[in-house]
Amino acid sequence: MTIHLDMLVLAPAKIDRKRLQGSSRAMTAKKQKTESKDKKALRLAETTDVSPKQAKELMQKHGKDSPKVEKEARNFKAEG
């Protein structure tokens, strides 16, 4: 039995484009949020002389935009 490719009909795959676009947007938003957190942590680390890792931990504990996080970072460095 021989099958000729010109006789073979392939059904096009259904692609849910809206779903793909939604997941793409979600990934982009998540990436931007992570980058924003990283930038804020780096700024905090540079202005208070704590490590970026310590800055991220302090931001998680005290809030990323809180004035308290800067105060805690300065105290953390003074204690360490």
N, C-alpha and C. Protein backbone atom coordinates (compact mmCIF):
# COMPACT_ATOMS: atom_id res chain seq x y z
N MET A 1 0.84 -1.17 0.00
CA MET A 1 0.00 0.00 0.00
C MET A 1 0.89 1.24 0.00
N THR A 2 0.62 2.14 -0.87
CA THR A 2 1.38 3.37 -0.99
C THR A 2 0.47 4.56 -0.68
N ILE A 3 0.99 5.45 0.14
CA ILE A 3 0.24 6.67 0.45
C ILE A 3 0.97 7.83 -0.17
N HIS A 4 0.28 8.54 -0.98
CA HIS A 4 0.85 9.72 -1.60
C HIS A 4 0.56 10.93 -0.73
N LEU A 5 1.57 11.74 -0.52
CA LEU A 5 1.41 12.91 0.34
C LEU A 5 0.37 13.89 -0.17
N ASP A 6 0.19 13.95 -1.50
CA ASP A 6 -0.80 14.88 -2.03
C ASP A 6 -2.22 14.41 -1.73
N MET A 7 -2.36 13.16 -1.34
CA MET A 7 -3.68 12.63 -0.99
C MET A 7 -3.94 12.75 0.52
N LEU A 8 -2.89 12.92 1.26
CA LEU A 8 -3.00 13.00 2.71
C LEU A 8 -3.47 14.39 3.12
N VAL A 9 -4.52 14.43 3.86
CA VAL A 9 -5.06 15.70 4.32
C VAL A 9 -4.85 15.78 5.83
N LEU A 10 -4.14 16.80 6.24
CA LEU A 10 -3.89 17.00 7.66
C LEU A 10 -4.84 18.07 8.17
N ALA A 11 -5.47 17.77 9.27
CA ALA A 11 -6.35 18.77 9.88
C ALA A 11 -5.49 19.79 10.61
N PRO A 12 -5.76 21.05 10.40
CA PRO A 12 -4.97 22.06 11.10
C PRO A 12 -5.23 21.96 12.61
N ALA A 13 -4.19 22.14 13.35
CA ALA A 13 -4.31 22.09 14.81
C ALA A 13 -5.03 23.34 15.29
N LYS A 14 -5.93 23.13 16.21
CA LYS A 14 -6.63 24.28 16.76
C LYS A 14 -5.74 24.94 17.79
N ILE A 15 -5.57 26.22 17.63
CA ILE A 15 -4.75 26.97 18.57
C ILE A 15 -5.64 28.02 19.21
N ASP A 16 -5.69 27.98 20.50
CA ASP A 16 -6.47 28.97 21.24
C ASP A 16 -5.58 30.21 21.43
N ARG A 17 -5.65 31.11 20.48
CA ARG A 17 -4.77 32.28 20.48
C ARG A 17 -5.00 33.19 21.69
N LYS A 18 -6.25 33.32 22.11
CA LYS A 18 -6.53 34.18 23.27
C LYS A 18 -5.87 33.61 24.51
N ARG A 19 -5.91 32.31 24.65
CA ARG A 19 -5.28 31.68 25.81
C ARG A 19 -3.77 31.88 25.78
N LEU A 20 -3.19 31.73 24.59
CA LEU A 20 -1.75 31.93 24.46
C LEU A 20 -1.37 33.38 24.76
N GLN A 21 -2.14 34.32 24.27
CA GLN A 21 -1.84 35.72 24.52
C GLN A 21 -1.98 36.05 25.99
N GLY A 22 -3.00 35.48 26.64
CA GLY A 22 -3.20 35.73 28.06
C GLY A 22 -2.03 35.22 28.88
N SER A 23 -1.54 34.02 28.56
CA SER A 23 -0.42 33.47 29.31
C SER A 23 0.84 34.27 29.04
N SER A 24 0.98 34.78 27.83
CA SER A 24 2.14 35.59 27.49
C SER A 24 2.12 36.89 28.27
N ARG A 25 0.94 37.49 28.36
CA ARG A 25 0.82 38.73 29.13
C ARG A 25 1.10 38.48 30.60
N ALA A 26 0.61 37.35 31.10
CA ALA A 26 0.82 37.02 32.52
C ALA A 26 2.31 36.84 32.79
N MET A 27 3.01 36.18 31.89
CA MET A 27 4.44 35.97 32.07
C MET A 27 5.18 37.29 32.01
N THR A 28 4.78 38.16 31.11
CA THR A 28 5.43 39.46 30.98
C THR A 28 5.20 40.29 32.24
N ALA A 29 3.98 40.29 32.74
CA ALA A 29 3.67 41.05 33.95
C ALA A 29 4.44 40.50 35.14
N LYS A 30 4.52 39.18 35.23
CA LYS A 30 5.25 38.55 36.33
C LYS A 30 6.74 38.89 36.25
N LYS A 31 7.28 38.86 35.04
CA LYS A 31 8.69 39.18 34.85
C LYS A 31 8.96 40.64 35.21
N GLN A 32 8.06 41.53 34.80
CA GLN A 32 8.24 42.95 35.12
C GLN A 32 8.16 43.18 36.62
N LYS A 33 7.27 42.46 37.28
CA LYS A 33 7.13 42.62 38.73
C LYS A 33 8.40 42.15 39.43
N THR A 34 8.95 41.03 38.96
CA THR A 34 10.18 40.51 39.55
C THR A 34 11.34 41.48 39.32
N GLU A 35 11.43 42.02 38.09
CA GLU A 35 12.49 42.97 37.79
C GLU A 35 12.35 44.23 38.65
N SER A 36 11.12 44.65 38.86
CA SER A 36 10.88 45.83 39.69
C SER A 36 11.33 45.58 41.12
N LYS A 37 11.01 44.39 41.66
CA LYS A 37 11.44 44.04 43.01
C LYS A 37 12.96 44.01 43.10
N ASP A 38 13.59 43.44 42.08
CA ASP A 38 15.05 43.36 42.06
C ASP A 38 15.68 44.75 42.04
N LYS A 39 15.12 45.65 41.25
CA LYS A 39 15.65 47.01 41.18
C LYS A 39 15.51 47.72 42.52
N LYS A 40 14.36 47.55 43.16
CA LYS A 40 14.14 48.19 44.46
C LYS A 40 15.08 47.61 45.50
N ALA A 41 15.30 46.29 45.44
CA ALA A 41 16.21 45.65 46.39
C ALA A 41 17.64 46.16 46.16
N LEU A 42 18.05 46.29 44.91
CA LEU A 42 19.39 46.80 44.61
C LEU A 42 19.55 48.24 45.09
N ARG A 43 18.52 49.05 44.90
CA ARG A 43 18.59 50.44 45.36
C ARG A 43 18.71 50.49 46.88
N LEU A 44 17.92 49.66 47.55
CA LEU A 44 17.99 49.60 49.01
C LEU A 44 19.37 49.13 49.46
N ALA A 45 19.91 48.13 48.77
CA ALA A 45 21.23 47.61 49.12
C ALA A 45 22.31 48.68 48.93
N GLU A 46 22.21 49.44 47.86
CA GLU A 46 23.20 50.48 47.59
C GLU A 46 23.11 51.64 48.57
N THR A 47 21.91 52.01 48.96
CA THR A 47 21.76 53.17 49.84
C THR A 47 21.97 52.85 51.31
N THR A 48 21.92 51.57 51.66
CA THR A 48 22.05 51.21 53.08
C THR A 48 23.22 50.28 53.36
N ASP A 49 23.95 49.90 52.33
CA ASP A 49 25.12 49.02 52.45
C ASP A 49 24.81 47.63 53.00
N VAL A 50 23.60 47.12 52.75
CA VAL A 50 23.31 45.71 53.03
C VAL A 50 23.45 44.96 51.71
N SER A 51 23.52 43.65 51.75
CA SER A 51 23.63 42.89 50.51
C SER A 51 22.28 42.87 49.80
N PRO A 52 22.28 42.64 48.49
CA PRO A 52 21.00 42.54 47.77
C PRO A 52 20.10 41.44 48.35
N LYS A 53 20.70 40.34 48.76
CA LYS A 53 19.91 39.25 49.35
C LYS A 53 19.27 39.71 50.66
N GLN A 54 20.04 40.39 51.49
CA GLN A 54 19.50 40.91 52.75
C GLN A 54 18.40 41.94 52.48
N ALA A 55 18.61 42.75 51.46
CA ALA A 55 17.61 43.76 51.10
C ALA A 55 16.29 43.10 50.69
N LYS A 56 16.37 42.04 49.88
CA LYS A 56 15.15 41.33 49.48
C LYS A 56 14.43 40.74 50.68
N GLU A 57 15.19 40.17 51.59
CA GLU A 57 14.60 39.57 52.79
C GLU A 57 13.92 40.63 53.65
N LEU A 58 14.57 41.78 53.80
CA LEU A 58 13.98 42.86 54.58
C LEU A 58 12.72 43.40 53.91
N MET A 59 12.73 43.48 52.58
CA MET A 59 11.57 43.96 51.85
C MET A 59 10.39 42.99 52.00
N GLN A 60 10.67 41.70 52.00
CA GLN A 60 9.60 40.72 52.18
C GLN A 60 9.01 40.82 53.58
N LYS A 61 9.86 41.10 54.54
CA LYS A 61 9.42 41.14 55.92
C LYS A 61 8.69 42.45 56.26
N HIS A 62 9.17 43.58 55.76
CA HIS A 62 8.66 44.88 56.17
C HIS A 62 7.88 45.63 55.09
N GLY A 63 7.83 45.09 53.90
CA GLY A 63 7.13 45.77 52.80
C GLY A 63 8.12 46.47 51.89
N LYS A 64 7.84 46.42 50.59
CA LYS A 64 8.83 46.93 49.64
C LYS A 64 8.91 48.45 49.56
N ASP A 65 7.82 49.14 49.84
CA ASP A 65 7.83 50.60 49.73
C ASP A 65 7.73 51.29 51.09
N SER A 66 7.86 50.53 52.10
CA SER A 66 7.69 51.07 53.44
C SER A 66 8.93 51.84 53.90
N PRO A 67 8.73 53.00 54.53
CA PRO A 67 9.89 53.71 55.10
C PRO A 67 10.55 52.87 56.20
N LYS A 68 9.76 51.98 56.78
CA LYS A 68 10.28 51.12 57.84
C LYS A 68 11.38 50.20 57.31
N VAL A 69 11.27 49.77 56.05
CA VAL A 69 12.27 48.85 55.51
C VAL A 69 13.64 49.53 55.43
N GLU A 70 13.67 50.81 55.08
CA GLU A 70 14.96 51.52 55.05
C GLU A 70 15.54 51.67 56.45
N LYS A 71 14.67 51.98 57.39
CA LYS A 71 15.12 52.11 58.78
C LYS A 71 15.67 50.77 59.28
N GLU A 72 14.96 49.69 58.99
CA GLU A 72 15.40 48.36 59.40
C GLU A 72 16.72 47.98 58.73
N ALA A 73 16.88 48.35 57.46
CA ALA A 73 18.12 48.05 56.74
C ALA A 73 19.30 48.79 57.37
N ARG A 74 19.08 50.05 57.73
CA ARG A 74 20.14 50.82 58.37
C ARG A 74 20.48 50.23 59.75
N ASN A 75 19.46 49.84 60.51
CA ASN A 75 19.69 49.20 61.80
C ASN A 75 20.38 47.86 61.64
N PHE A 76 19.98 47.13 60.60
CA PHE A 76 20.56 45.81 60.35
C PHE A 76 22.05 45.94 60.09
N LYS A 77 22.43 46.92 59.30
CA LYS A 77 23.85 47.15 59.00
C LYS A 77 24.60 47.61 60.26
N ALA A 78 23.97 48.46 61.04
CA ALA A 78 24.61 48.98 62.24
C ALA A 78 24.86 47.86 63.25
N GLU A 79 23.92 46.91 63.33
CA GLU A 79 24.06 45.78 64.26
C GLU A 79 25.10 44.79 63.79
N GLY A 80 25.16 44.58 62.44
CA GLY A 80 26.03 43.55 61.85
C GLY A 80 27.42 43.99 61.83
